């Protein structure tokens, strides 16, 4: 990470509201083995790398939450439009990973309903 910084994008501090999401994160990032040792990294469609920082809370199964942060060159500005598209792609990936009753098509429909520009791409 030398020469890079983390730019905070989104936090969800209660992934346990839907245990399926917690299970998908544990599976995708091998969190049963890795735990809090390191963030999980994803390369989004723009090529930008994002760090998923997993949060723990006493008395709750791990992870209790997640922060999504962009990994950007230290002095470069954040490309907000590309970041919004990347964040939407990460949410789509998570819904697809979760499976079961969770469907990407429903996420996209919700995004269009709320007029989220990235949901129209």
PDB file of N, CA and C in Angstrom:
ATOM      1  N   UNK A   1       0.812  -1.198   0.000  1.00  0.00           N
ATOM      2  CA  UNK A   1       0.000   0.000   0.000  1.00  0.00           C
ATOM      3  C   UNK A   1       0.857   1.264   0.000  1.00  0.00           C
ATOM      4  N   UNK A   2       2.146   1.111  -0.101  1.00  0.00           N
ATOM      5  CA  UNK A   2       3.012   2.289  -0.144  1.00  0.00           C
ATOM      6  C   UNK A   2       2.568   3.189  -1.292  1.00  0.00           C
ATOM      7  N   UNK A   3       2.437   4.466  -1.017  1.00  0.00           N
ATOM      8  CA  UNK A   3       2.027   5.425  -2.024  1.00  0.00           C
ATOM      9  C   UNK A   3       0.536   5.462  -2.290  1.00  0.00           C
ATOM     10  N   UNK A   4      -0.244   4.771  -1.476  1.00  0.00           N
ATOM     11  CA  UNK A   4      -1.693   4.738  -1.630  1.00  0.00           C
ATOM     12  C   UNK A   4      -2.370   5.133  -0.319  1.00  0.00           C
ATOM     13  N   UNK A   5      -3.633   5.493  -0.435  1.00  0.00           N
ATOM     14  CA  UNK A   5      -4.446   5.797   0.736  1.00  0.00           C
ATOM     15  C   UNK A   5      -5.785   5.087   0.591  1.00  0.00           C
ATOM     16  N   UNK A   6      -6.482   4.952   1.706  1.00  0.00           N
ATOM     17  CA  UNK A   6      -7.826   4.395   1.679  1.00  0.00           C
ATOM     18  C   UNK A   6      -8.824   5.544   1.725  1.00  0.00           C
ATOM     19  N   UNK A   7      -9.790   5.524   0.826  1.00  0.00           N
ATOM     20  CA  UNK A   7     -10.851   6.533   0.798  1.00  0.00           C
ATOM     21  C   UNK A   7     -12.151   5.844   1.183  1.00  0.00           C
ATOM     22  N   UNK A   8     -12.708   6.236   2.307  1.00  0.00           N
ATOM     23  CA  UNK A   8     -13.934   5.637   2.829  1.00  0.00           C
ATOM     24  C   UNK A   8     -15.084   5.857   1.858  1.00  0.00           C
ATOM     25  N   UNK A   9     -15.855   4.770   1.599  1.00  0.00           N
ATOM     26  CA  UNK A   9     -16.999   4.868   0.701  1.00  0.00           C
ATOM     27  C   UNK A   9     -18.316   4.508   1.366  1.00  0.00           C
ATOM     28  N   UNK A  10     -18.333   3.418   2.122  1.00  0.00           N
ATOM     29  CA  UNK A  10     -19.600   2.902   2.638  1.00  0.00           C
ATOM     30  C   UNK A  10     -19.333   2.038   3.865  1.00  0.00           C
ATOM     31  N   UNK A  11     -20.245   2.081   4.823  1.00  0.00           N
ATOM     32  CA  UNK A  11     -20.145   1.187   5.980  1.00  0.00           C
ATOM     33  C   UNK A  11     -21.499   0.545   6.236  1.00  0.00           C
ATOM     34  N   UNK A  12     -21.467  -0.715   6.569  1.00  0.00           N
ATOM     35  CA  UNK A  12     -22.645  -1.431   7.050  1.00  0.00           C
ATOM     36  C   UNK A  12     -22.219  -2.102   8.341  1.00  0.00           C
ATOM     37  N   UNK A  13     -22.711  -1.589   9.448  1.00  0.00           N
ATOM     38  CA  UNK A  13     -22.244  -2.103  10.742  1.00  0.00           C
ATOM     39  C   UNK A  13     -23.113  -3.226  11.301  1.00  0.00           C
ATOM     40  N   UNK A  14     -24.085  -3.677  10.532  1.00  0.00           N
ATOM     41  CA  UNK A  14     -24.969  -4.738  11.019  1.00  0.00           C
ATOM     42  C   UNK A  14     -25.222  -5.802   9.950  1.00  0.00           C
ATOM     43  N   UNK A  15     -24.173  -6.454   9.474  1.00  0.00           N
ATOM     44  CA  UNK A  15     -24.390  -7.489   8.462  1.00  0.00           C
ATOM     45  C   UNK A  15     -25.172  -8.670   9.021  1.00  0.00           C
ATOM     46  N   UNK A  16     -25.270  -8.772  10.339  1.00  0.00           N
ATOM     47  CA  UNK A  16     -26.027  -9.850  10.957  1.00  0.00           C
ATOM     48  C   UNK A  16     -27.524  -9.721  10.821  1.00  0.00           C
ATOM     49  N   UNK A  17     -28.019  -8.566  10.321  1.00  0.00           N
ATOM     50  CA  UNK A  17     -29.460  -8.453  10.078  1.00  0.00           C
ATOM     51  C   UNK A  17     -29.914  -9.535   9.112  1.00  0.00           C
ATOM     52  N   UNK A  18     -29.031  -9.884   8.187  1.00  0.00           N
ATOM     53  CA  UNK A  18     -29.304 -10.950   7.243  1.00  0.00           C
ATOM     54  C   UNK A  18     -28.118 -11.903   7.281  1.00  0.00           C
ATOM     55  N   UNK A  19     -28.230 -12.983   8.035  1.00  0.00           N
ATOM     56  CA  UNK A  19     -27.101 -13.915   8.194  1.00  0.00           C
ATOM     57  C   UNK A  19     -26.539 -14.420   6.868  1.00  0.00           C
ATOM     58  N   UNK A  20     -27.346 -14.432   5.814  1.00  0.00           N
ATOM     59  CA  UNK A  20     -26.862 -14.899   4.516  1.00  0.00           C
ATOM     60  C   UNK A  20     -25.738 -14.006   3.994  1.00  0.00           C
ATOM     61  N   UNK A  21     -25.832 -12.702   4.261  1.00  0.00           N
ATOM     62  CA  UNK A  21     -24.777 -11.789   3.820  1.00  0.00           C
ATOM     63  C   UNK A  21     -23.490 -12.043   4.591  1.00  0.00           C
ATOM     64  N   UNK A  22     -23.602 -12.254   5.900  1.00  0.00           N
ATOM     65  CA  UNK A  22     -22.419 -12.576   6.701  1.00  0.00           C
ATOM     66  C   UNK A  22     -21.780 -13.850   6.165  1.00  0.00           C
ATOM     67  N   UNK A  23     -22.581 -14.875   5.927  1.00  0.00           N
ATOM     68  CA  UNK A  23     -22.055 -16.152   5.438  1.00  0.00           C
ATOM     69  C   UNK A  23     -21.365 -15.975   4.082  1.00  0.00           C
ATOM     70  N   UNK A  24     -21.918 -15.142   3.202  1.00  0.00           N
ATOM     71  CA  UNK A  24     -21.306 -14.906   1.893  1.00  0.00           C
ATOM     72  C   UNK A  24     -19.951 -14.237   2.039  1.00  0.00           C
ATOM     73  N   UNK A  25     -19.833 -13.265   2.939  1.00  0.00           N
ATOM     74  CA  UNK A  25     -18.545 -12.593   3.167  1.00  0.00           C
ATOM     75  C   UNK A  25     -17.519 -13.549   3.763  1.00  0.00           C
ATOM     76  N   UNK A  26     -17.954 -14.368   4.715  1.00  0.00           N
ATOM     77  CA  UNK A  26     -17.048 -15.345   5.340  1.00  0.00           C
ATOM     78  C   UNK A  26     -16.520 -16.304   4.281  1.00  0.00           C
ATOM     79  N   UNK A  27     -17.411 -16.764   3.426  1.00  0.00           N
ATOM     80  CA  UNK A  27     -17.035 -17.722   2.375  1.00  0.00           C
ATOM     81  C   UNK A  27     -16.111 -17.065   1.338  1.00  0.00           C
ATOM     82  N   UNK A  28     -16.481 -15.890   0.859  1.00  0.00           N
ATOM     83  CA  UNK A  28     -15.735 -15.239  -0.229  1.00  0.00           C
ATOM     84  C   UNK A  28     -14.331 -14.829   0.188  1.00  0.00           C
ATOM     85  N   UNK A  29     -14.152 -14.461   1.456  1.00  0.00           N
ATOM     86  CA  UNK A  29     -12.852 -13.957   1.904  1.00  0.00           C
ATOM     87  C   UNK A  29     -12.169 -14.873   2.914  1.00  0.00           C
ATOM     88  N   UNK A  30     -12.683 -16.111   3.060  1.00  0.00           N
ATOM     89  CA  UNK A  30     -12.073 -17.108   3.945  1.00  0.00           C
ATOM     90  C   UNK A  30     -11.884 -16.548   5.360  1.00  0.00           C
ATOM     91  N   UNK A  31     -12.904 -15.848   5.855  1.00  0.00           N
ATOM     92  CA  UNK A  31     -12.780 -15.160   7.139  1.00  0.00           C
ATOM     93  C   UNK A  31     -12.701 -16.108   8.336  1.00  0.00           C
ATOM     94  N   UNK A  32     -13.175 -17.343   8.182  1.00  0.00           N
ATOM     95  CA  UNK A  32     -13.010 -18.308   9.281  1.00  0.00           C
ATOM     96  C   UNK A  32     -11.530 -18.537   9.570  1.00  0.00           C
ATOM     97  N   UNK A  33     -10.702 -18.449   8.533  1.00  0.00           N
ATOM     98  CA  UNK A  33      -9.268 -18.654   8.692  1.00  0.00           C
ATOM     99  C   UNK A  33      -8.533 -17.334   8.912  1.00  0.00           C
ATOM    100  N   UNK A  34      -8.878 -16.311   8.143  1.00  0.00           N
ATOM    101  CA  UNK A  34      -8.142 -15.048   8.143  1.00  0.00           C
ATOM    102  C   UNK A  34      -8.553 -14.138   9.297  1.00  0.00           C
ATOM    103  N   UNK A  35      -9.835 -14.086   9.634  1.00  0.00           N
ATOM    104  CA  UNK A  35     -10.315 -13.209  10.699  1.00  0.00           C
ATOM    105  C   UNK A  35     -10.033 -11.750  10.401  1.00  0.00           C
ATOM    106  N   UNK A  36      -9.581 -11.031  11.406  1.00  0.00           N
ATOM    107  CA  UNK A  36      -9.298  -9.601  11.283  1.00  0.00           C
ATOM    108  C   UNK A  36      -7.898  -9.311  10.751  1.00  0.00           C
ATOM    109  N   UNK A  37      -7.172 -10.323  10.324  1.00  0.00           N
ATOM    110  CA  UNK A  37      -5.772 -10.156   9.949  1.00  0.00           C
ATOM    111  C   UNK A  37      -5.559  -9.154   8.819  1.00  0.00           C
ATOM    112  N   UNK A  38      -6.469  -9.117   7.855  1.00  0.00           N
ATOM    113  CA  UNK A  38      -6.267  -8.239   6.700  1.00  0.00           C
ATOM    114  C   UNK A  38      -7.605  -7.955   6.046  1.00  0.00           C
ATOM    115  N   UNK A  39      -7.693  -6.838   5.345  1.00  0.00           N
ATOM    116  CA  UNK A  39      -8.922  -6.592   4.579  1.00  0.00           C
ATOM    117  C   UNK A  39      -9.031  -7.582   3.428  1.00  0.00           C
ATOM    118  N   UNK A  40     -10.221  -7.677   2.868  1.00  0.00           N
ATOM    119  CA  UNK A  40     -10.406  -8.393   1.619  1.00  0.00           C
ATOM    120  C   UNK A  40     -10.312  -7.383   0.498  1.00  0.00           C
ATOM    121  N   UNK A  41      -9.762  -7.764  -0.627  1.00  0.00           N
ATOM    122  CA  UNK A  41      -9.593  -6.835  -1.741  1.00  0.00           C
ATOM    123  C   UNK A  41     -10.390  -7.311  -2.939  1.00  0.00           C
ATOM    124  N   UNK A  42     -11.012  -6.348  -3.618  1.00  0.00           N
ATOM    125  CA  UNK A  42     -11.748  -6.614  -4.854  1.00  0.00           C
ATOM    126  C   UNK A  42     -11.302  -5.624  -5.912  1.00  0.00           C
ATOM    127  N   UNK A  43     -11.144  -6.101  -7.124  1.00  0.00           N
ATOM    128  CA  UNK A  43     -10.880  -5.206  -8.248  1.00  0.00           C
ATOM    129  C   UNK A  43     -12.217  -4.995  -8.953  1.00  0.00           C
ATOM    130  N   UNK A  44     -12.628  -3.750  -9.027  1.00  0.00           N
ATOM    131  CA  UNK A  44     -13.922  -3.401  -9.613  1.00  0.00           C
ATOM    132  C   UNK A  44     -13.792  -3.232 -11.130  1.00  0.00           C
ATOM    133  N   UNK A  45     -14.909  -3.104 -11.831  1.00  0.00           N
ATOM    134  CA  UNK A  45     -14.866  -2.988 -13.294  1.00  0.00           C
ATOM    135  C   UNK A  45     -13.982  -1.852 -13.821  1.00  0.00           C
ATOM    136  N   UNK A  46     -13.843  -0.765 -13.087  1.00  0.00           N
ATOM    137  CA  UNK A  46     -13.000   0.347 -13.537  1.00  0.00           C
ATOM    138  C   UNK A  46     -11.514   0.014 -13.436  1.00  0.00           C
ATOM    139  N   UNK A  47     -11.189  -1.072 -12.752  1.00  0.00           N
ATOM    140  CA  UNK A  47      -9.798  -1.413 -12.478  1.00  0.00           C
ATOM    141  C   UNK A  47      -9.356  -0.972 -11.097  1.00  0.00           C
ATOM    142  N   UNK A  48     -10.169  -0.123 -10.466  1.00  0.00           N
ATOM    143  CA  UNK A  48      -9.881   0.371  -9.115  1.00  0.00           C
ATOM    144  C   UNK A  48      -9.957  -0.790  -8.114  1.00  0.00           C
ATOM    145  N   UNK A  49      -9.020  -0.818  -7.182  1.00  0.00           N
ATOM    146  CA  UNK A  49      -9.038  -1.822  -6.117  1.00  0.00           C
ATOM    147  C   UNK A  49      -9.786  -1.235  -4.921  1.00  0.00           C
ATOM    148  N   UNK A  50     -10.588  -2.079  -4.287  1.00  0.00           N
ATOM    149  CA  UNK A  50     -11.332  -1.680  -3.101  1.00  0.00           C
ATOM    150  C   UNK A  50     -10.998  -2.639  -1.966  1.00  0.00           C
ATOM    151  N   UNK A  51     -10.887  -2.076  -0.773  1.00  0.00           N
ATOM    152  CA  UNK A  51     -10.620  -2.874   0.424  1.00  0.00           C
ATOM    153  C   UNK A  51     -11.920  -3.022   1.206  1.00  0.00           C
ATOM    154  N   UNK A  52     -12.229  -4.241   1.582  1.00  0.00           N
ATOM    155  CA  UNK A  52     -13.348  -4.489   2.477  1.00  0.00           C
ATOM    156  C   UNK A  52     -12.743  -4.757   3.842  1.00  0.00           C
ATOM    157  N   UNK A  53     -12.989  -3.856   4.766  1.00  0.00           N
ATOM    158  CA  UNK A  53     -12.453  -3.944   6.118  1.00  0.00           C
ATOM    159  C   UNK A  53     -13.558  -4.535   6.989  1.00  0.00           C
ATOM    160  N   UNK A  54     -13.284  -5.679   7.573  1.00  0.00           N
ATOM    161  CA  UNK A  54     -14.296  -6.398   8.342  1.00  0.00           C
ATOM    162  C   UNK A  54     -14.230  -5.987   9.803  1.00  0.00           C
ATOM    163  N   UNK A  55     -15.402  -5.747  10.379  1.00  0.00           N
ATOM    164  CA  UNK A  55     -15.509  -5.249  11.743  1.00  0.00           C
ATOM    165  C   UNK A  55     -15.989  -6.353  12.668  1.00  0.00           C
ATOM    166  N   UNK A  56     -15.479  -6.333  13.888  1.00  0.00           N
ATOM    167  CA  UNK A  56     -15.916  -7.275  14.910  1.00  0.00           C
ATOM    168  C   UNK A  56     -16.562  -6.522  16.061  1.00  0.00           C
ATOM    169  N   UNK A  57     -17.513  -7.148  16.695  1.00  0.00           N
ATOM    170  CA  UNK A  57     -18.189  -6.561  17.842  1.00  0.00           C
ATOM    171  C   UNK A  57     -18.340  -7.666  18.883  1.00  0.00           C
ATOM    172  N   UNK A  58     -17.979  -7.355  20.096  1.00  0.00           N
ATOM    173  CA  UNK A  58     -18.049  -8.333  21.181  1.00  0.00           C
ATOM    174  C   UNK A  58     -19.453  -8.920  21.287  1.00  0.00           C
ATOM    175  N   UNK A  59     -19.513 -10.240  21.392  1.00  0.00           N
ATOM    176  CA  UNK A  59     -20.783 -10.929  21.566  1.00  0.00           C
ATOM    177  C   UNK A  59     -21.540 -11.215  20.283  1.00  0.00           C
ATOM    178  N   UNK A  60     -20.977 -10.839  19.115  1.00  0.00           N
ATOM    179  CA  UNK A  60     -21.635 -11.098  17.839  1.00  0.00           C
ATOM    180  C   UNK A  60     -20.741 -11.967  16.966  1.00  0.00           C
ATOM    181  N   UNK A  61     -21.341 -12.801  16.138  1.00  0.00           N
ATOM    182  CA  UNK A  61     -20.524 -13.568  15.196  1.00  0.00           C
ATOM    183  C   UNK A  61     -19.745 -12.618  14.285  1.00  0.00           C
ATOM    184  N   UNK A  62     -18.586 -13.073  13.839  1.00  0.00           N
ATOM    185  CA  UNK A  62     -17.720 -12.266  12.975  1.00  0.00           C
ATOM    186  C   UNK A  62     -18.061 -12.553  11.522  1.00  0.00           C
ATOM    187  N   UNK A  63     -18.075 -11.577  10.667  1.00  0.00           N
ATOM    188  CA  UNK A  63     -17.943 -10.149  10.933  1.00  0.00           C
ATOM    189  C   UNK A  63     -19.293  -9.547  11.322  1.00  0.00           C
ATOM    190  N   UNK A  64     -19.241  -8.529  12.154  1.00  0.00           N
ATOM    191  CA  UNK A  64     -20.476  -7.840  12.525  1.00  0.00           C
ATOM    192  C   UNK A  64     -20.776  -6.711  11.551  1.00  0.00           C
ATOM    193  N   UNK A  65     -19.758  -6.277  10.821  1.00  0.00           N
ATOM    194  CA  UNK A  65     -19.935  -5.195   9.869  1.00  0.00           C
ATOM    195  C   UNK A  65     -18.815  -5.186   8.858  1.00  0.00           C
ATOM    196  N   UNK A  66     -18.946  -4.291   7.888  1.00  0.00           N
ATOM    197  CA  UNK A  66     -17.934  -4.158   6.846  1.00  0.00           C
ATOM    198  C   UNK A  66     -17.878  -2.702   6.395  1.00  0.00           C
ATOM    199  N   UNK A  67     -16.678  -2.237   6.121  1.00  0.00           N
ATOM    200  CA  UNK A  67     -16.472  -0.935   5.494  1.00  0.00           C
ATOM    201  C   UNK A  67     -15.891  -1.190   4.112  1.00  0.00           C
ATOM    202  N   UNK A  68     -16.345  -0.429   3.135  1.00  0.00           N
ATOM    203  CA  UNK A  68     -15.781  -0.509   1.791  1.00  0.00           C
ATOM    204  C   UNK A  68     -15.000   0.772   1.562  1.00  0.00           C
ATOM    205  N   UNK A  69     -13.730   0.598   1.193  1.00  0.00           N
ATOM    206  CA  UNK A  69     -12.845   1.735   0.976  1.00  0.00           C
ATOM    207  C   UNK A  69     -12.119   1.563  -0.356  1.00  0.00           C
ATOM    208  N   UNK A  70     -11.978   2.661  -1.083  1.00  0.00           N
ATOM    209  CA  UNK A  70     -11.219   2.636  -2.335  1.00  0.00           C
ATOM    210  C   UNK A  70      -9.741   2.775  -2.004  1.00  0.00           C
ATOM    211  N   UNK A  71      -8.899   2.021  -2.696  1.00  0.00           N
ATOM    212  CA  UNK A  71      -7.450   2.129  -2.564  1.00  0.00           C
ATOM    213  C   UNK A  71      -6.985   3.007  -3.724  1.00  0.00           C
ATOM    214  N   UNK A  72      -6.562   4.244  -3.398  1.00  0.00           N
ATOM    215  CA  UNK A  72      -6.217   5.209  -4.449  1.00  0.00           C
ATOM    216  C   UNK A  72      -4.803   5.737  -4.252  1.00  0.00           C
ATOM    217  N   UNK A  73      -4.157   6.140  -5.347  1.00  0.00           N
ATOM    218  CA  UNK A  73      -2.841   6.769  -5.204  1.00  0.00           C
ATOM    219  C   UNK A  73      -2.939   7.949  -4.237  1.00  0.00           C
ATOM    220  N   UNK A  74      -1.938   8.079  -3.385  1.00  0.00           N
ATOM    221  CA  UNK A  74      -2.002   9.001  -2.249  1.00  0.00           C
ATOM    222  C   UNK A  74      -2.397  10.421  -2.603  1.00  0.00           C
ATOM    223  N   UNK A  75      -1.921  10.956  -3.702  1.00  0.00           N
ATOM    224  CA  UNK A  75      -2.180  12.354  -4.018  1.00  0.00           C
ATOM    225  C   UNK A  75      -3.220  12.552  -5.114  1.00  0.00           C
ATOM    226  N   UNK A  76      -3.788  11.463  -5.615  1.00  0.00           N
ATOM    227  CA  UNK A  76      -4.759  11.562  -6.700  1.00  0.00           C
ATOM    228  C   UNK A  76      -6.175  11.760  -6.150  1.00  0.00           C
ATOM    229  N   UNK A  77      -6.979  12.554  -6.845  1.00  0.00           N
ATOM    230  CA  UNK A  77      -8.374  12.691  -6.427  1.00  0.00           C
ATOM    231  C   UNK A  77      -9.154  11.420  -6.747  1.00  0.00           C
ATOM    232  N   UNK A  78     -10.217  11.216  -6.051  1.00  0.00           N
ATOM    233  CA  UNK A  78     -11.089  10.071  -6.262  1.00  0.00           C
ATOM    234  C   UNK A  78     -12.012  10.380  -7.441  1.00  0.00           C
ATOM    235  N   UNK A  79     -12.080   9.496  -8.409  1.00  0.00           N
ATOM    236  CA  UNK A  79     -13.005   9.640  -9.532  1.00  0.00           C
ATOM    237  C   UNK A  79     -14.385   9.225  -9.024  1.00  0.00           C
ATOM    238  N   UNK A  80     -15.216  10.196  -8.705  1.00  0.00           N
ATOM    239  CA  UNK A  80     -16.485   9.918  -8.036  1.00  0.00           C
ATOM    240  C   UNK A  80     -17.456   9.129  -8.907  1.00  0.00           C
ATOM    241  N   UNK A  81     -17.525   9.424 -10.201  1.00  0.00           N
ATOM    242  CA  UNK A  81     -18.448   8.686 -11.066  1.00  0.00           C
ATOM    243  C   UNK A  81     -18.034   7.226 -11.196  1.00  0.00           C
ATOM    244  N   UNK A  82     -16.746   6.983 -11.424  1.00  0.00           N
ATOM    245  CA  UNK A  82     -16.260   5.601 -11.526  1.00  0.00           C
ATOM    246  C   UNK A  82     -16.437   4.881 -10.193  1.00  0.00           C
ATOM    247  N   UNK A  83     -16.207   5.598  -9.104  1.00  0.00           N
ATOM    248  CA  UNK A  83     -16.358   4.997  -7.777  1.00  0.00           C
ATOM    249  C   UNK A  83     -17.798   4.599  -7.520  1.00  0.00           C
ATOM    250  N   UNK A  84     -18.755   5.444  -7.904  1.00  0.00           N
ATOM    251  CA  UNK A  84     -20.169   5.090  -7.741  1.00  0.00           C
ATOM    252  C   UNK A  84     -20.517   3.840  -8.537  1.00  0.00           C
ATOM    253  N   UNK A  85     -20.023   3.748  -9.770  1.00  0.00           N
ATOM    254  CA  UNK A  85     -20.280   2.550 -10.590  1.00  0.00           C
ATOM    255  C   UNK A  85     -19.634   1.320  -9.950  1.00  0.00           C
ATOM    256  N   UNK A  86     -18.402   1.493  -9.451  1.00  0.00           N
ATOM    257  CA  UNK A  86     -17.706   0.376  -8.803  1.00  0.00           C
ATOM    258  C   UNK A  86     -18.444  -0.086  -7.557  1.00  0.00           C
ATOM    259  N   UNK A  87     -18.910   0.865  -6.759  1.00  0.00           N
ATOM    260  CA  UNK A  87     -19.624   0.517  -5.532  1.00  0.00           C
ATOM    261  C   UNK A  87     -20.895  -0.254  -5.867  1.00  0.00           C
ATOM    262  N   UNK A  88     -21.599   0.172  -6.901  1.00  0.00           N
ATOM    263  CA  UNK A  88     -22.800  -0.561  -7.325  1.00  0.00           C
ATOM    264  C   UNK A  88     -22.421  -1.966  -7.790  1.00  0.00           C
ATOM    265  N   UNK A  89     -21.317  -2.099  -8.511  1.00  0.00           N
ATOM    266  CA  UNK A  89     -20.857  -3.422  -8.964  1.00  0.00           C
ATOM    267  C   UNK A  89     -20.510  -4.313  -7.775  1.00  0.00           C
ATOM    268  N   UNK A  90     -19.916  -3.741  -6.733  1.00  0.00           N
ATOM    269  CA  UNK A  90     -19.588  -4.521  -5.534  1.00  0.00           C
ATOM    270  C   UNK A  90     -20.870  -4.991  -4.851  1.00  0.00           C
ATOM    271  N   UNK A  91     -21.861  -4.119  -4.757  1.00  0.00           N
ATOM    272  CA  UNK A  91     -23.137  -4.522  -4.154  1.00  0.00           C
ATOM    273  C   UNK A  91     -23.796  -5.626  -4.975  1.00  0.00           C
ATOM    274  N   UNK A  92     -23.728  -5.521  -6.304  1.00  0.00           N
ATOM    275  CA  UNK A  92     -24.278  -6.569  -7.174  1.00  0.00           C
ATOM    276  C   UNK A  92     -23.532  -7.886  -6.951  1.00  0.00           C
ATOM    277  N   UNK A  93     -22.203  -7.815  -6.823  1.00  0.00           N
ATOM    278  CA  UNK A  93     -21.403  -9.015  -6.577  1.00  0.00           C
ATOM    279  C   UNK A  93     -21.821  -9.660  -5.254  1.00  0.00           C
ATOM    280  N   UNK A  94     -21.994  -8.841  -4.208  1.00  0.00           N
ATOM    281  CA  UNK A  94     -22.359  -9.379  -2.900  1.00  0.00           C
ATOM    282  C   UNK A  94     -23.732 -10.048  -2.937  1.00  0.00           C
ATOM    283  N   UNK A  95     -24.693  -9.432  -3.615  1.00  0.00           N
ATOM    284  CA  UNK A  95     -26.025 -10.040  -3.726  1.00  0.00           C
ATOM    285  C   UNK A  95     -25.918 -11.366  -4.481  1.00  0.00           C
ATOM    286  N   UNK A  96     -25.150 -11.395  -5.559  1.00  0.00           N
ATOM    287  CA  UNK A  96     -24.982 -12.641  -6.315  1.00  0.00           C
ATOM    288  C   UNK A  96     -24.304 -13.714  -5.466  1.00  0.00           C
ATOM    289  N   UNK A  97     -23.294 -13.327  -4.683  1.00  0.00           N
ATOM    290  CA  UNK A  97     -22.596 -14.274  -3.787  1.00  0.00           C
ATOM    291  C   UNK A  97     -23.539 -14.836  -2.736  1.00  0.00           C
ATOM    292  N   UNK A  98     -24.459 -14.003  -2.280  1.00  0.00           N
ATOM    293  CA  UNK A  98     -25.374 -14.408  -1.213  1.00  0.00           C
ATOM    294  C   UNK A  98     -26.364 -15.432  -1.725  1.00  0.00           C
ATOM    295  N   UNK A  99     -26.898 -15.198  -2.920  1.00  0.00           N
ATOM    296  CA  UNK A  99     -27.802 -16.169  -3.529  1.00  0.00           C
ATOM    297  C   UNK A  99     -29.091 -16.338  -2.762  1.00  0.00           C
ATOM    298  N   UNK A 100     -29.693 -17.508  -2.909  1.00  0.00           N
ATOM    299  CA  UNK A 100     -30.955 -17.788  -2.232  1.00  0.00           C
ATOM    300  C   UNK A 100     -32.027 -16.808  -2.666  1.00  0.00           C
ATOM    301  N   UNK A 101     -32.718 -16.202  -1.706  1.00  0.00           N
ATOM    302  CA  UNK A 101     -33.786 -15.267  -2.062  1.00  0.00           C
ATOM    303  C   UNK A 101     -33.260 -13.917  -2.569  1.00  0.00           C
ATOM    304  N   UNK A 102     -31.940 -13.715  -2.490  1.00  0.00           N
ATOM    305  CA  UNK A 102     -31.355 -12.438  -2.898  1.00  0.00           C
ATOM    306  C   UNK A 102     -31.026 -12.489  -4.387  1.00  0.00           C
ATOM    307  N   UNK A 103     -31.563 -11.537  -5.141  1.00  0.00           N
ATOM    308  CA  UNK A 103     -31.393 -11.548  -6.593  1.00  0.00           C
ATOM    309  C   UNK A 103     -30.886 -10.197  -7.074  1.00  0.00           C
ATOM    310  N   UNK A 104     -29.907 -10.241  -7.976  1.00  0.00           N
ATOM    311  CA  UNK A 104     -29.314  -9.028  -8.548  1.00  0.00           C
ATOM    312  C   UNK A 104     -30.381  -8.213  -9.279  1.00  0.00           C
ATOM    313  N   UNK A 105     -31.295  -8.889  -9.958  1.00  0.00           N
ATOM    314  CA  UNK A 105     -32.339  -8.180 -10.700  1.00  0.00           C
ATOM    315  C   UNK A 105     -33.183  -7.302  -9.774  1.00  0.00           C
ATOM    316  N   UNK A 106     -33.441  -7.771  -8.581  1.00  0.00           N
ATOM    317  CA  UNK A 106     -34.226  -6.977  -7.626  1.00  0.00           C
ATOM    318  C   UNK A 106     -33.419  -5.790  -7.106  1.00  0.00           C
ATOM    319  N   UNK A 107     -32.116  -5.990  -6.887  1.00  0.00           N
ATOM    320  CA  UNK A 107     -31.261  -4.869  -6.490  1.00  0.00           C
ATOM    321  C   UNK A 107     -31.259  -3.809  -7.587  1.00  0.00           C
ATOM    322  N   UNK A 108     -31.092  -4.238  -8.843  1.00  0.00           N
ATOM    323  CA  UNK A 108     -31.090  -3.307  -9.958  1.00  0.00           C
ATOM    324  C   UNK A 108     -32.419  -2.551 -10.056  1.00  0.00           C
ATOM    325  N   UNK A 109     -33.532  -3.262  -9.884  1.00  0.00           N
ATOM    326  CA  UNK A 109     -34.849  -2.616  -9.943  1.00  0.00           C
ATOM    327  C   UNK A 109     -34.983  -1.577  -8.836  1.00  0.00           C
ATOM    328  N   UNK A 110     -34.490  -1.891  -7.643  1.00  0.00           N
ATOM    329  CA  UNK A 110     -34.519  -0.928  -6.534  1.00  0.00           C
ATOM    330  C   UNK A 110     -33.654   0.277  -6.863  1.00  0.00           C
ATOM    331  N   UNK A 111     -32.480   0.036  -7.432  1.00  0.00           N
ATOM    332  CA  UNK A 111     -31.602   1.132  -7.819  1.00  0.00           C
ATOM    333  C   UNK A 111     -32.238   2.051  -8.835  1.00  0.00           C
ATOM    334  N   UNK A 112     -32.944   1.463  -9.816  1.00  0.00           N
ATOM    335  CA  UNK A 112     -33.634   2.290 -10.815  1.00  0.00           C
ATOM    336  C   UNK A 112     -34.777   3.072 -10.175  1.00  0.00           C
ATOM    337  N   UNK A 113     -35.488   2.448  -9.255  1.00  0.00           N
ATOM    338  CA  UNK A 113     -36.584   3.120  -8.549  1.00  0.00           C
ATOM    339  C   UNK A 113     -36.079   4.359  -7.805  1.00  0.00           C
ATOM    340  N   UNK A 114     -34.907   4.231  -7.174  1.00  0.00           N
ATOM    341  CA  UNK A 114     -34.317   5.346  -6.431  1.00  0.00           C
ATOM    342  C   UNK A 114     -33.433   6.234  -7.314  1.00  0.00           C
ATOM    343  N   UNK A 115     -33.439   5.947  -8.619  1.00  0.00           N
ATOM    344  CA  UNK A 115     -32.715   6.749  -9.610  1.00  0.00           C
ATOM    345  C   UNK A 115     -31.217   6.830  -9.336  1.00  0.00           C
ATOM    346  N   UNK A 116     -30.645   5.713  -8.944  1.00  0.00           N
ATOM    347  CA  UNK A 116     -29.212   5.630  -8.746  1.00  0.00           C
ATOM    348  C   UNK A 116     -28.563   5.504 -10.120  1.00  0.00           C
ATOM    349  N   UNK A 117     -27.775   6.501 -10.526  1.00  0.00           N
ATOM    350  CA  UNK A 117     -27.222   6.479 -11.890  1.00  0.00           C
ATOM    351  C   UNK A 117     -26.494   5.180 -12.231  1.00  0.00           C
ATOM    352  N   UNK A 118     -25.726   4.622 -11.319  1.00  0.00           N
ATOM    353  CA  UNK A 118     -24.965   3.408 -11.602  1.00  0.00           C
ATOM    354  C   UNK A 118     -25.864   2.209 -11.856  1.00  0.00           C
ATOM    355  N   UNK A 119     -27.113   2.249 -11.384  1.00  0.00           N
ATOM    356  CA  UNK A 119     -28.029   1.135 -11.586  1.00  0.00           C
ATOM    357  C   UNK A 119     -28.552   1.090 -13.016  1.00  0.00           C
ATOM    358  N   UNK A 120     -28.350   2.152 -13.778  1.00  0.00           N
ATOM    359  CA  UNK A 120     -28.821   2.187 -15.167  1.00  0.00           C
ATOM    360  C   UNK A 120     -27.780   1.695 -16.136  1.00  0.00           C
ATOM    361  N   UNK A 121     -26.542   1.526 -15.693  1.00  0.00           N
ATOM    362  CA  UNK A 121     -25.450   1.118 -16.595  1.00  0.00           C
ATOM    363  C   UNK A 121     -25.602  -0.307 -17.034  1.00  0.00           C
TER     364      UNK A 121
END
